PDB file of N, CA and C in Angstrom:
ATOM      1  N   MET A   1      47.564  -7.438 270.822  1.00  0.00           N
ATOM      2  CA  MET A   1      48.435  -7.415 271.964  1.00  0.00           C
ATOM      3  C   MET A   1      49.848  -7.843 271.574  1.00  0.00           C
ATOM      4  N   PHE A   2      50.004  -8.992 270.884  1.00  0.00           N
ATOM      5  CA  PHE A   2      51.318  -9.460 270.467  1.00  0.00           C
ATOM      6  C   PHE A   2      51.447  -9.310 268.955  1.00  0.00           C
ATOM      7  N   SER A   3      52.630  -8.996 268.506  1.00  0.00           N
ATOM      8  CA  SER A   3      52.832  -8.808 267.066  1.00  0.00           C
ATOM      9  C   SER A   3      53.611  -9.956 266.431  1.00  0.00           C
ATOM     10  N   GLY A   4      54.103 -10.900 267.225  1.00  0.00           N
ATOM     11  CA  GLY A   4      54.848 -12.021 266.674  1.00  0.00           C
ATOM     12  C   GLY A   4      55.524 -12.811 267.774  1.00  0.00           C
ATOM     13  N   ALA A   5      56.334 -13.766 267.356  1.00  0.00           N
ATOM     14  CA  ALA A   5      57.112 -14.581 268.289  1.00  0.00           C
ATOM     15  C   ALA A   5      58.551 -14.602 267.802  1.00  0.00           C
ATOM     16  N   HIS A   6      59.485 -14.684 268.719  1.00  0.00           N
ATOM     17  CA  HIS A   6      60.908 -14.722 268.395  1.00  0.00           C
ATOM     18  C   HIS A   6      61.472 -16.021 268.948  1.00  0.00           C
ATOM     19  N   VAL A   7      61.945 -16.884 268.071  1.00  0.00           N
ATOM     20  CA  VAL A   7      62.499 -18.178 268.453  1.00  0.00           C
ATOM     21  C   VAL A   7      64.015 -18.068 268.418  1.00  0.00           C
ATOM     22  N   ILE A   8      64.689 -18.636 269.406  1.00  0.00           N
ATOM     23  CA  ILE A   8      66.151 -18.619 269.446  1.00  0.00           C
ATOM     24  C   ILE A   8      66.650 -20.058 269.397  1.00  0.00           C
ATOM     25  N   LEU A   9      67.559 -20.329 268.468  1.00  0.00           N
ATOM     26  CA  LEU A   9      68.232 -21.618 268.404  1.00  0.00           C
ATOM     27  C   LEU A   9      69.641 -21.426 268.945  1.00  0.00           C
ATOM     28  N   TYR A  10      69.976 -22.075 270.033  1.00  0.00           N
ATOM     29  CA  TYR A  10      71.339 -22.040 270.544  1.00  0.00           C
ATOM     30  C   TYR A  10      72.102 -23.157 269.860  1.00  0.00           C
ATOM     31  N   THR A  11      73.266 -22.838 269.312  1.00  0.00           N
ATOM     32  CA  THR A  11      73.989 -23.777 268.475  1.00  0.00           C
ATOM     33  C   THR A  11      75.494 -23.639 268.683  1.00  0.00           C
ATOM     34  N   SER A  12      76.213 -24.699 268.384  1.00  0.00           N
ATOM     35  CA  SER A  12      77.670 -24.665 268.519  1.00  0.00           C
ATOM     36  C   SER A  12      78.344 -24.040 267.296  1.00  0.00           C
ATOM     37  N   ASP A  13      77.594 -23.801 266.209  1.00  0.00           N
ATOM     38  CA  ASP A  13      78.150 -23.179 265.006  1.00  0.00           C
ATOM     39  C   ASP A  13      77.100 -22.247 264.397  1.00  0.00           C
ATOM     40  N   ALA A  14      76.926 -21.099 265.021  1.00  0.00           N
ATOM     41  CA  ALA A  14      75.876 -20.164 264.614  1.00  0.00           C
ATOM     42  C   ALA A  14      76.060 -19.686 263.174  1.00  0.00           C
ATOM     43  N   ASP A  15      77.289 -19.412 262.757  1.00  0.00           N
ATOM     44  CA  ASP A  15      77.507 -18.927 261.385  1.00  0.00           C
ATOM     45  C   ASP A  15      77.056 -19.960 260.360  1.00  0.00           C
ATOM     46  N   ALA A  16      77.405 -21.222 260.564  1.00  0.00           N
ATOM     47  CA  ALA A  16      77.017 -22.274 259.622  1.00  0.00           C
ATOM     48  C   ALA A  16      75.507 -22.479 259.614  1.00  0.00           C
ATOM     49  N   ASP A  17      74.887 -22.469 260.786  1.00  0.00           N
ATOM     50  CA  ASP A  17      73.442 -22.665 260.845  1.00  0.00           C
ATOM     51  C   ASP A  17      72.691 -21.469 260.261  1.00  0.00           C
ATOM     52  N   ARG A  18      73.213 -20.257 260.454  1.00  0.00           N
ATOM     53  CA  ARG A  18      72.597 -19.075 259.824  1.00  0.00           C
ATOM     54  C   ARG A  18      72.677 -19.187 258.302  1.00  0.00           C
ATOM     55  N   ALA A  19      73.827 -19.572 257.785  1.00  0.00           N
ATOM     56  CA  ALA A  19      73.991 -19.732 256.340  1.00  0.00           C
ATOM     57  C   ALA A  19      73.033 -20.796 255.809  1.00  0.00           C
ATOM     58  N   PHE A  20      72.840 -21.870 256.555  1.00  0.00           N
ATOM     59  CA  PHE A  20      71.922 -22.946 256.177  1.00  0.00           C
ATOM     60  C   PHE A  20      70.486 -22.422 256.085  1.00  0.00           C
ATOM     61  N   LEU A  21      70.058 -21.692 257.111  1.00  0.00           N
ATOM     62  CA  LEU A  21      68.692 -21.146 257.106  1.00  0.00           C
ATOM     63  C   LEU A  21      68.487 -20.183 255.942  1.00  0.00           C
ATOM     64  N   LYS A  22      69.515 -19.400 255.636  1.00  0.00           N
ATOM     65  CA  LYS A  22      69.434 -18.405 254.561  1.00  0.00           C
ATOM     66  C   LYS A  22      69.552 -19.054 253.188  1.00  0.00           C
ATOM     67  N   ASP A  23      70.593 -19.843 252.979  1.00  0.00           N
ATOM     68  CA  ASP A  23      70.917 -20.332 251.647  1.00  0.00           C
ATOM     69  C   ASP A  23      70.229 -21.638 251.266  1.00  0.00           C
ATOM     70  N   VAL A  24      70.037 -22.528 252.216  1.00  0.00           N
ATOM     71  CA  VAL A  24      69.458 -23.838 251.904  1.00  0.00           C
ATOM     72  C   VAL A  24      67.947 -23.835 252.104  1.00  0.00           C
ATOM     73  N   LEU A  25      67.496 -23.364 253.271  1.00  0.00           N
ATOM     74  CA  LEU A  25      66.053 -23.332 253.518  1.00  0.00           C
ATOM     75  C   LEU A  25      65.393 -22.113 252.881  1.00  0.00           C
ATOM     76  N   GLY A  26      66.180 -21.094 252.548  1.00  0.00           N
ATOM     77  CA  GLY A  26      65.658 -19.928 251.842  1.00  0.00           C
ATOM     78  C   GLY A  26      64.806 -18.995 252.683  1.00  0.00           C
ATOM     79  N   PHE A  27      65.018 -18.979 253.994  1.00  0.00           N
ATOM     80  CA  PHE A  27      64.244 -18.083 254.853  1.00  0.00           C
ATOM     81  C   PHE A  27      64.686 -16.639 254.618  1.00  0.00           C
ATOM     82  N   GLY A  28      63.712 -15.748 254.450  1.00  0.00           N
ATOM     83  CA  GLY A  28      64.008 -14.328 254.364  1.00  0.00           C
ATOM     84  C   GLY A  28      64.618 -13.874 255.683  1.00  0.00           C
ATOM     85  N   HIS A  29      65.365 -12.775 255.637  1.00  0.00           N
ATOM     86  CA  HIS A  29      66.043 -12.345 256.850  1.00  0.00           C
ATOM     87  C   HIS A  29      66.357 -10.859 256.802  1.00  0.00           C
ATOM     88  N   VAL A  30      66.702 -10.343 257.953  1.00  0.00           N
ATOM     89  CA  VAL A  30      67.244  -8.988 258.082  1.00  0.00           C
ATOM     90  C   VAL A  30      68.551  -9.113 258.844  1.00  0.00           C
ATOM     91  N   ASP A  31      69.440  -8.170 258.605  1.00  0.00           N
ATOM     92  CA  ASP A  31      70.700  -8.112 259.340  1.00  0.00           C
ATOM     93  C   ASP A  31      70.503  -7.109 260.458  1.00  0.00           C
ATOM     94  N   ALA A  32      70.518  -7.601 261.689  1.00  0.00           N
ATOM     95  CA  ALA A  32      70.316  -6.733 262.855  1.00  0.00           C
ATOM     96  C   ALA A  32      71.586  -5.977 263.207  1.00  0.00           C
ATOM     97  N   GLY A  33      72.630  -6.176 262.420  1.00  0.00           N
ATOM     98  CA  GLY A  33      73.904  -5.501 262.645  1.00  0.00           C
ATOM     99  C   GLY A  33      75.027  -6.499 262.828  1.00  0.00           C
ATOM    100  N   HIS A  34      76.155  -6.215 262.187  1.00  0.00           N
ATOM    101  CA  HIS A  34      77.365  -7.036 262.320  1.00  0.00           C
ATOM    102  C   HIS A  34      77.142  -8.481 261.880  1.00  0.00           C
ATOM    103  N   GLY A  35      76.273  -8.694 260.879  1.00  0.00           N
ATOM    104  CA  GLY A  35      76.020 -10.038 260.367  1.00  0.00           C
ATOM    105  C   GLY A  35      75.101 -10.889 261.218  1.00  0.00           C
ATOM    106  N   TRP A  36      74.477 -10.277 262.214  1.00  0.00           N
ATOM    107  CA  TRP A  36      73.564 -10.996 263.095  1.00  0.00           C
ATOM    108  C   TRP A  36      72.216 -11.094 262.385  1.00  0.00           C
ATOM    109  N   LEU A  37      71.964 -12.238 261.732  1.00  0.00           N
ATOM    110  CA  LEU A  37      70.756 -12.400 260.934  1.00  0.00           C
ATOM    111  C   LEU A  37      69.582 -12.845 261.789  1.00  0.00           C
ATOM    112  N   ILE A  38      68.431 -12.249 261.509  1.00  0.00           N
ATOM    113  CA  ILE A  38      67.175 -12.650 262.126  1.00  0.00           C
ATOM    114  C   ILE A  38      66.255 -13.064 260.984  1.00  0.00           C
ATOM    115  N   PHE A  39      65.706 -14.272 261.084  1.00  0.00           N
ATOM    116  CA  PHE A  39      64.968 -14.887 259.983  1.00  0.00           C
ATOM    117  C   PHE A  39      63.466 -14.788 260.149  1.00  0.00           C
ATOM    118  N   ALA A  40      62.804 -14.594 259.015  1.00  0.00           N
ATOM    119  CA  ALA A  40      61.347 -14.684 258.976  1.00  0.00           C
ATOM    120  C   ALA A  40      60.981 -16.161 258.969  1.00  0.00           C
ATOM    121  N   LEU A  41      59.946 -16.514 259.667  1.00  0.00           N
ATOM    122  CA  LEU A  41      59.458 -17.880 259.701  1.00  0.00           C
ATOM    123  C   LEU A  41      58.083 -17.946 259.050  1.00  0.00           C
ATOM    124  N   PRO A  42      57.691 -19.142 258.634  1.00  0.00           N
ATOM    125  CA  PRO A  42      56.320 -19.303 258.153  1.00  0.00           C
ATOM    126  C   PRO A  42      55.350 -19.044 259.308  1.00  0.00           C
ATOM    127  N   PRO A  43      54.053 -18.943 259.008  1.00  0.00           N
ATOM    128  CA  PRO A  43      53.090 -18.786 260.105  1.00  0.00           C
ATOM    129  C   PRO A  43      53.338 -19.849 261.172  1.00  0.00           C
ATOM    130  N   ALA A  44      53.067 -19.501 262.404  1.00  0.00           N
ATOM    131  CA  ALA A  44      53.388 -20.397 263.509  1.00  0.00           C
ATOM    132  C   ALA A  44      52.186 -20.623 264.407  1.00  0.00           C
ATOM    133  N   GLU A  45      52.306 -21.635 265.206  1.00  0.00           N
ATOM    134  CA  GLU A  45      51.332 -21.900 266.263  1.00  0.00           C
ATOM    135  C   GLU A  45      52.104 -22.433 267.458  1.00  0.00           C
ATOM    136  N   VAL A  46      51.498 -22.418 268.609  1.00  0.00           N
ATOM    137  CA  VAL A  46      52.153 -22.934 269.813  1.00  0.00           C
ATOM    138  C   VAL A  46      51.200 -23.922 270.483  1.00  0.00           C
ATOM    139  N   ALA A  47      51.752 -25.014 270.961  1.00  0.00           N
ATOM    140  CA  ALA A  47      50.978 -26.020 271.684  1.00  0.00           C
ATOM    141  C   ALA A  47      51.593 -26.183 273.073  1.00  0.00           C
ATOM    142  N   VAL A  48      50.793 -26.542 274.030  1.00  0.00           N
ATOM    143  CA  VAL A  48      51.276 -26.766 275.395  1.00  0.00           C
ATOM    144  C   VAL A  48      50.977 -28.221 275.746  1.00  0.00           C
ATOM    145  N   HIS A  49      52.034 -28.979 276.002  1.00  0.00           N
ATOM    146  CA  HIS A  49      51.910 -30.400 276.307  1.00  0.00           C
ATOM    147  C   HIS A  49      52.318 -30.655 277.754  1.00  0.00           C
ATOM    148  N   PRO A  50      51.648 -31.569 278.432  1.00  0.00           N
ATOM    149  CA  PRO A  50      52.058 -31.916 279.795  1.00  0.00           C
ATOM    150  C   PRO A  50      53.318 -32.780 279.768  1.00  0.00           C
ATOM    151  N   THR A  51      54.095 -32.746 280.826  1.00  0.00           N
ATOM    152  CA  THR A  51      55.276 -33.602 280.949  1.00  0.00           C
ATOM    153  C   THR A  51      55.547 -33.912 282.410  1.00  0.00           C
ATOM    154  N   ASP A  52      56.047 -35.101 282.641  1.00  0.00           N
ATOM    155  CA  ASP A  52      56.537 -35.456 283.967  1.00  0.00           C
ATOM    156  C   ASP A  52      58.043 -35.248 284.041  1.00  0.00           C
ATOM    157  N   ASP A  53      58.666 -34.977 282.870  1.00  0.00           N
ATOM    158  CA  ASP A  53      60.104 -34.719 282.792  1.00  0.00           C
ATOM    159  C   ASP A  53      60.369 -33.233 283.002  1.00  0.00           C
ATOM    160  N   GLU A  54      61.619 -32.852 282.862  1.00  0.00           N
ATOM    161  CA  GLU A  54      62.008 -31.445 282.952  1.00  0.00           C
ATOM    162  C   GLU A  54      61.320 -30.659 281.831  1.00  0.00           C
ATOM    163  N   PRO A  55      60.664 -29.539 282.112  1.00  0.00           N
ATOM    164  CA  PRO A  55      60.035 -28.739 281.056  1.00  0.00           C
ATOM    165  C   PRO A  55      61.069 -28.302 280.021  1.00  0.00           C
ATOM    166  N   LYS A  56      60.664 -28.221 278.764  1.00  0.00           N
ATOM    167  CA  LYS A  56      61.541 -27.812 277.670  1.00  0.00           C
ATOM    168  C   LYS A  56      60.706 -27.190 276.568  1.00  0.00           C
ATOM    169  N   HIS A  57      61.377 -26.611 275.587  1.00  0.00           N
ATOM    170  CA  HIS A  57      60.729 -26.041 274.419  1.00  0.00           C
ATOM    171  C   HIS A  57      61.281 -26.735 273.194  1.00  0.00           C
ATOM    172  N   GLU A  58      60.462 -26.883 272.158  1.00  0.00           N
ATOM    173  CA  GLU A  58      60.885 -27.520 270.916  1.00  0.00           C
ATOM    174  C   GLU A  58      60.399 -26.696 269.734  1.00  0.00           C
ATOM    175  N   LEU A  59      61.120 -26.789 268.626  1.00  0.00           N
ATOM    176  CA  LEU A  59      60.748 -26.136 267.376  1.00  0.00           C
ATOM    177  C   LEU A  59      60.602 -27.199 266.309  1.00  0.00           C
ATOM    178  N   TYR A  60      59.452 -27.228 265.647  1.00  0.00           N
ATOM    179  CA  TYR A  60      59.205 -28.109 264.520  1.00  0.00           C
ATOM    180  C   TYR A  60      58.816 -27.232 263.340  1.00  0.00           C
ATOM    181  N   LEU A  61      59.361 -27.515 262.170  1.00  0.00           N
ATOM    182  CA  LEU A  61      58.894 -26.853 260.958  1.00  0.00           C
ATOM    183  C   LEU A  61      57.806 -27.727 260.357  1.00  0.00           C
ATOM    184  N   MET A  62      56.677 -27.109 260.022  1.00  0.00           N
ATOM    185  CA  MET A  62      55.544 -27.836 259.468  1.00  0.00           C
ATOM    186  C   MET A  62      55.561 -27.716 257.946  1.00  0.00           C
ATOM    187  N   CYS A  63      55.116 -28.780 257.275  1.00  0.00           N
ATOM    188  CA  CYS A  63      55.032 -28.751 255.819  1.00  0.00           C
ATOM    189  C   CYS A  63      53.787 -29.499 255.369  1.00  0.00           C
ATOM    190  N   ASP A  64      53.314 -29.138 254.183  1.00  0.00           N
ATOM    191  CA  ASP A  64      52.112 -29.763 253.626  1.00  0.00           C
ATOM    192  C   ASP A  64      52.422 -31.102 252.969  1.00  0.00           C
ATOM    193  N   ASP A  65      53.659 -31.303 252.521  1.00  0.00           N
ATOM    194  CA  ASP A  65      54.075 -32.523 251.825  1.00  0.00           C
ATOM    195  C   ASP A  65      55.474 -32.880 252.308  1.00  0.00           C
ATOM    196  N   ILE A  66      55.556 -33.649 253.378  1.00  0.00           N
ATOM    197  CA  ILE A  66      56.857 -33.926 253.981  1.00  0.00           C
ATOM    198  C   ILE A  66      57.760 -34.725 253.054  1.00  0.00           C
ATOM    199  N   ALA A  67      57.204 -35.673 252.311  1.00  0.00           N
ATOM    200  CA  ALA A  67      58.037 -36.465 251.397  1.00  0.00           C
ATOM    201  C   ALA A  67      58.646 -35.570 250.325  1.00  0.00           C
ATOM    202  N   GLY A  68      57.838 -34.694 249.749  1.00  0.00           N
ATOM    203  CA  GLY A  68      58.334 -33.769 248.735  1.00  0.00           C
ATOM    204  C   GLY A  68      59.348 -32.790 249.309  1.00  0.00           C
ATOM    205  N   THR A  69      59.089 -32.307 250.511  1.00  0.00           N
ATOM    206  CA  THR A  69      60.012 -31.379 251.164  1.00  0.00           C
ATOM    207  C   THR A  69      61.362 -32.043 251.408  1.00  0.00           C
ATOM    208  N   LEU A  70      61.352 -33.280 251.902  1.00  0.00           N
ATOM    209  CA  LEU A  70      62.604 -33.984 252.163  1.00  0.00           C
ATOM    210  C   LEU A  70      63.367 -34.265 250.866  1.00  0.00           C
ATOM    211  N   THR A  71      62.648 -34.582 249.794  1.00  0.00           N
ATOM    212  CA  THR A  71      63.304 -34.795 248.499  1.00  0.00           C
ATOM    213  C   THR A  71      63.994 -33.517 248.040  1.00  0.00           C
ATOM    214  N   THR A  72      63.297 -32.391 248.145  1.00  0.00           N
ATOM    215  CA  THR A  72      63.882 -31.097 247.768  1.00  0.00           C
ATOM    216  C   THR A  72      65.111 -30.800 248.617  1.00  0.00           C
ATOM    217  N   LEU A  73      65.004 -31.021 249.923  1.00  0.00           N
ATOM    218  CA  LEU A  73      66.129 -30.744 250.811  1.00  0.00           C
ATOM    219  C   LEU A  73      67.309 -31.680 250.530  1.00  0.00           C
ATOM    220  N   GLU A  74      67.036 -32.954 250.270  1.00  0.00           N
ATOM    221  CA  GLU A  74      68.121 -33.881 249.919  1.00  0.00           C
ATOM    222  C   GLU A  74      68.824 -33.444 248.643  1.00  0.00           C
ATOM    223  N   ASP A  75      68.048 -32.944 247.670  1.00  0.00           N
ATOM    224  CA  ASP A  75      68.636 -32.443 246.424  1.00  0.00           C
ATOM    225  C   ASP A  75      69.558 -31.251 246.683  1.00  0.00           C
ATOM    226  N   ARG A  76      69.331 -30.545 247.789  1.00  0.00           N
ATOM    227  CA  ARG A  76      70.171 -29.410 248.172  1.00  0.00           C
ATOM    228  C   ARG A  76      71.320 -29.825 249.090  1.00  0.00           C
ATOM    229  N   GLY A  77      71.474 -31.124 249.306  1.00  0.00           N
ATOM    230  CA  GLY A  77      72.574 -31.619 250.114  1.00  0.00           C
ATOM    231  C   GLY A  77      72.292 -31.739 251.597  1.00  0.00           C
ATOM    232  N   VAL A  78      71.043 -31.581 251.994  1.00  0.00           N
ATOM    233  CA  VAL A  78      70.682 -31.652 253.410  1.00  0.00           C
ATOM    234  C   VAL A  78      70.673 -33.110 253.864  1.00  0.00           C
ATOM    235  N   VAL A  79      71.204 -33.359 255.060  1.00  0.00           N
ATOM    236  CA  VAL A  79      71.215 -34.700 255.652  1.00  0.00           C
ATOM    237  C   VAL A  79      69.882 -34.938 256.350  1.00  0.00           C
ATOM    238  N   ILE A  80      69.209 -36.023 255.988  1.00  0.00           N
ATOM    239  CA  ILE A  80      67.981 -36.432 256.669  1.00  0.00           C
ATOM    240  C   ILE A  80      68.419 -37.284 257.853  1.00  0.00           C
ATOM    241  N   SER A  81      68.202 -36.797 259.060  1.00  0.00           N
ATOM    242  CA  SER A  81      68.676 -37.502 260.256  1.00  0.00           C
ATOM    243  C   SER A  81      67.655 -38.478 260.824  1.00  0.00           C
ATOM    244  N   ARG A  82      66.387 -38.285 260.484  1.00  0.00           N
ATOM    245  CA  ARG A  82      65.326 -39.215 260.899  1.00  0.00           C
ATOM    246  C   ARG A  82      64.373 -39.374 259.729  1.00  0.00           C
ATOM    247  N   PRO A  83      64.190 -40.581 259.236  1.00  0.00           N
ATOM    248  CA  PRO A  83      63.255 -40.779 258.129  1.00  0.00           C
ATOM    249  C   PRO A  83      61.816 -40.555 258.589  1.00  0.00           C
ATOM    250  N   ILE A  84      60.933 -40.442 257.643  1.00  0.00           N
ATOM    251  CA  ILE A  84      59.509 -40.214 257.944  1.00  0.00           C
ATOM    252  C   ILE A  84      58.953 -41.379 258.752  1.00  0.00           C
ATOM    253  N   SER A  85      58.240 -41.033 259.809  1.00  0.00           N
ATOM    254  CA  SER A  85      57.505 -42.028 260.593  1.00  0.00           C
ATOM    255  C   SER A  85      56.111 -41.490 260.858  1.00  0.00           C
ATOM    256  N   ASP A  86      55.144 -42.400 260.874  1.00  0.00           N
ATOM    257  CA  ASP A  86      53.751 -42.026 261.127  1.00  0.00           C
ATOM    258  C   ASP A  86      53.536 -42.001 262.635  1.00  0.00           C
ATOM    259  N   GLN A  87      53.173 -40.829 263.149  1.00  0.00           N
ATOM    260  CA  GLN A  87      52.937 -40.658 264.581  1.00  0.00           C
ATOM    261  C   GLN A  87      51.462 -40.630 264.937  1.00  0.00           C
ATOM    262  N   GLY A  88      50.603 -40.845 263.944  1.00  0.00           N
ATOM    263  CA  GLY A  88      49.167 -40.738 264.177  1.00  0.00           C
ATOM    264  C   GLY A  88      48.691 -39.312 263.991  1.00  0.00           C
ATOM    265  N   TRP A  89      49.282 -38.387 264.722  1.00  0.00           N
ATOM    266  CA  TRP A  89      48.935 -36.966 264.612  1.00  0.00           C
ATOM    267  C   TRP A  89      49.592 -36.320 263.401  1.00  0.00           C
ATOM    268  N   GLY A  90      50.532 -37.073 262.760  1.00  0.00           N
ATOM    269  CA  GLY A  90      51.202 -36.549 261.575  1.00  0.00           C
ATOM    270  C   GLY A  90      52.393 -37.394 261.185  1.00  0.00           C
ATOM    271  N   GLN A  91      53.021 -37.004 260.084  1.00  0.00           N
ATOM    272  CA  GLN A  91      54.240 -37.645 259.603  1.00  0.00           C
ATOM    273  C   GLN A  91      55.420 -36.833 260.124  1.00  0.00           C
ATOM    274  N   LEU A  92      56.366 -37.493 260.799  1.00  0.00           N
ATOM    275  CA  LEU A  92      57.478 -36.823 261.449  1.00  0.00           C
ATOM    276  C   LEU A  92      58.794 -37.265 260.822  1.00  0.00           C
ATOM    277  N   ALA A  93      59.720 -36.319 260.642  1.00  0.00           N
ATOM    278  CA  ALA A  93      61.083 -36.601 260.179  1.00  0.00           C
ATOM    279  C   ALA A  93      61.977 -35.529 260.780  1.00  0.00           C
ATOM    280  N   ALA A  94      63.261 -35.580 260.476  1.00  0.00           N
ATOM    281  CA  ALA A  94      64.174 -34.547 260.960  1.00  0.00           C
ATOM    282  C   ALA A  94      65.339 -34.409 259.990  1.00  0.00           C
ATOM    283  N   ILE A  95      65.891 -33.188 259.952  1.00  0.00           N
ATOM    284  CA  ILE A  95      67.087 -32.905 259.167  1.00  0.00           C
ATOM    285  C   ILE A  95      68.197 -32.482 260.112  1.00  0.00           C
ATOM    286  N   ARG A  96      69.420 -32.512 259.612  1.00  0.00           N
ATOM    287  CA  ARG A  96      70.583 -32.157 260.415  1.00  0.00           C
ATOM    288  C   ARG A  96      71.080 -30.781 259.983  1.00  0.00           C
ATOM    289  N   LEU A  97      71.194 -29.855 260.935  1.00  0.00           N
ATOM    290  CA  LEU A  97      71.810 -28.559 260.666  1.00  0.00           C
ATOM    291  C   LEU A  97      73.323 -28.740 260.586  1.00  0.00           C
ATOM    292  N   PRO A  98      74.037 -27.801 259.964  1.00  0.00           N
ATOM    293  CA  PRO A  98      75.496 -27.927 259.875  1.00  0.00           C
ATOM    294  C   PRO A  98      76.180 -28.100 261.232  1.00  0.00           C
ATOM    295  N   SER A  99      75.613 -27.535 262.287  1.00  0.00           N
ATOM    296  CA  SER A  99      76.201 -27.658 263.626  1.00  0.00           C
ATOM    297  C   SER A  99      76.029 -29.054 264.207  1.00  0.00           C
ATOM    298  N   GLY A 100      75.197 -29.867 263.562  1.00  0.00           N
ATOM    299  CA  GLY A 100      74.903 -31.200 264.079  1.00  0.00           C
ATOM    300  C   GLY A 100      73.577 -31.277 264.792  1.00  0.00           C
ATOM    301  N   THR A 101      72.970 -30.134 265.054  1.00  0.00           N
ATOM    302  CA  THR A 101      71.681 -30.087 265.729  1.00  0.00           C
ATOM    303  C   THR A 101      70.597 -30.653 264.818  1.00  0.00           C
ATOM    304  N   GLU A 102      69.689 -31.392 265.398  1.00  0.00           N
ATOM    305  CA  GLU A 102      68.582 -31.951 264.638  1.00  0.00           C
ATOM    306  C   GLU A 102      67.414 -30.971 264.627  1.00  0.00           C
ATOM    307  N   LEU A 103      66.783 -30.811 263.467  1.00  0.00           N
ATOM    308  CA  LEU A 103      65.619 -29.941 263.317  1.00  0.00           C
ATOM    309  C   LEU A 103      64.452 -30.790 262.813  1.00  0.00           C
ATOM    310  N   PRO A 104      63.449 -31.029 263.664  1.00  0.00           N
ATOM    311  CA  PRO A 104      62.315 -31.861 263.261  1.00  0.00           C
ATOM    312  C   PRO A 104      61.386 -31.130 262.286  1.00  0.00           C
ATOM    313  N   LEU A 105      60.815 -31.915 261.371  1.00  0.00           N
ATOM    314  CA  LEU A 105      59.811 -31.441 260.422  1.00  0.00           C
ATOM    315  C   LEU A 105      58.603 -32.351 260.559  1.00  0.00           C
ATOM    316  N   TYR A 106      57.421 -31.795 260.348  1.00  0.00           N
ATOM    317  CA  TYR A 106      56.276 -32.698 260.315  1.00  0.00           C
ATOM    318  C   TYR A 106      55.161 -32.165 259.443  1.00  0.00           C
ATOM    319  N   GLU A 107      54.418 -33.143 258.926  1.00  0.00           N
ATOM    320  CA  GLU A 107      53.209 -32.883 258.142  1.00  0.00           C
ATOM    321  C   GLU A 107      52.040 -33.222 259.053  1.00  0.00           C
ATOM    322  N   PRO A 108      51.311 -32.206 259.525  1.00  0.00           N
ATOM    323  CA  PRO A 108      50.250 -32.481 260.492  1.00  0.00           C
ATOM    324  C   PRO A 108      49.069 -33.224 259.870  1.00  0.00           C
ATOM    325  N   HIS A 109      48.490 -34.114 260.655  1.00  0.00           N
ATOM    326  CA  HIS A 109      47.242 -34.787 260.294  1.00  0.00           C
ATOM    327  C   HIS A 109      46.135 -34.366 261.251  1.00  0.00           C
ATOM    328  N   HIS A 110      46.346 -33.253 261.896  1.00  0.00           N
ATOM    329  CA  HIS A 110      45.388 -32.697 262.854  1.00  0.00           C
ATOM    330  C   HIS A 110      45.028 -31.293 262.384  1.00  0.00           C
ATOM    331  N   PRO A 111      43.940 -30.730 262.873  1.00  0.00           N
ATOM    332  CA  PRO A 111      43.638 -29.346 262.521  1.00  0.00           C
ATOM    333  C   PRO A 111      44.776 -28.427 262.982  1.00  0.00           C
ATOM    334  N   THR A 112      45.084 -27.419 262.187  1.00  0.00           N
ATOM    335  CA  THR A 112      46.092 -26.446 262.569  1.00  0.00           C
ATOM    336  C   THR A 112      45.436 -25.122 262.889  1.00  0.00           C
ATOM    337  N   ALA A 113      46.158 -24.305 263.640  1.00  0.00           N
ATOM    338  CA  ALA A 113      45.625 -23.014 264.075  1.00  0.00           C
ATOM    339  C   ALA A 113      45.824 -21.927 263.042  1.00  0.00           C
ATOM    340  N   TYR A 114      46.442 -22.244 261.921  1.00  0.00           N
ATOM    341  CA  TYR A 114      46.668 -21.273 260.868  1.00  0.00           C
ATOM    342  C   TYR A 114      46.325 -21.900 259.523  1.00  0.00           C
ATOM    343  N   THR A 115      46.154 -21.082 258.532  1.00  0.00           N
ATOM    344  CA  THR A 115      45.907 -21.552 257.177  1.00  0.00           C
ATOM    345  C   THR A 115      47.144 -21.257 256.338  1.00  0.00           C
ATOM    346  N   PRO A 116      47.838 -22.314 255.867  1.00  0.00           N
ATOM    347  CA  PRO A 116      49.035 -22.066 255.058  1.00  0.00           C
ATOM    348  C   PRO A 116      48.681 -21.338 253.773  1.00  0.00           C
ATOM    349  N   SER A 117      49.622 -20.527 253.288  1.00  0.00           N
ATOM    350  CA  SER A 117      49.384 -19.829 252.034  1.00  0.00           C
ATOM    351  C   SER A 117      49.496 -20.820 250.885  1.00  0.00           C
ATOM    352  N   PRO A 118      48.717 -20.599 249.822  1.00  0.00           N
ATOM    353  CA  PRO A 118      48.721 -21.549 248.684  1.00  0.00           C
ATOM    354  C   PRO A 118      50.032 -21.567 247.954  1.00  0.00           C
TER     355      PRO A 118
END
């Protein structure tokens, strides 16, 4: 029925954040025209959480080794905006995009709905 999901990041500096996703994180991409890049993402899953606050959507990048991933990203000049913390369900951290937006990363300690490639 569905062939994929399309995530949109609204940002104050789209060109810088696109360059970051392409050059620093190394996400594959296509040019949809006029430099409008659309990026391939790793396998994804979606969770639905209850809230008493205003409903919202969030994007987290998952990794198998968050400490190693953060070391690699720091070596590439990426700002770590939140150090690793144990949340019980996983290890959580965040990096800063060039626009200033925070992008959370986590290493899950729960079953996932997909099997990462080796």
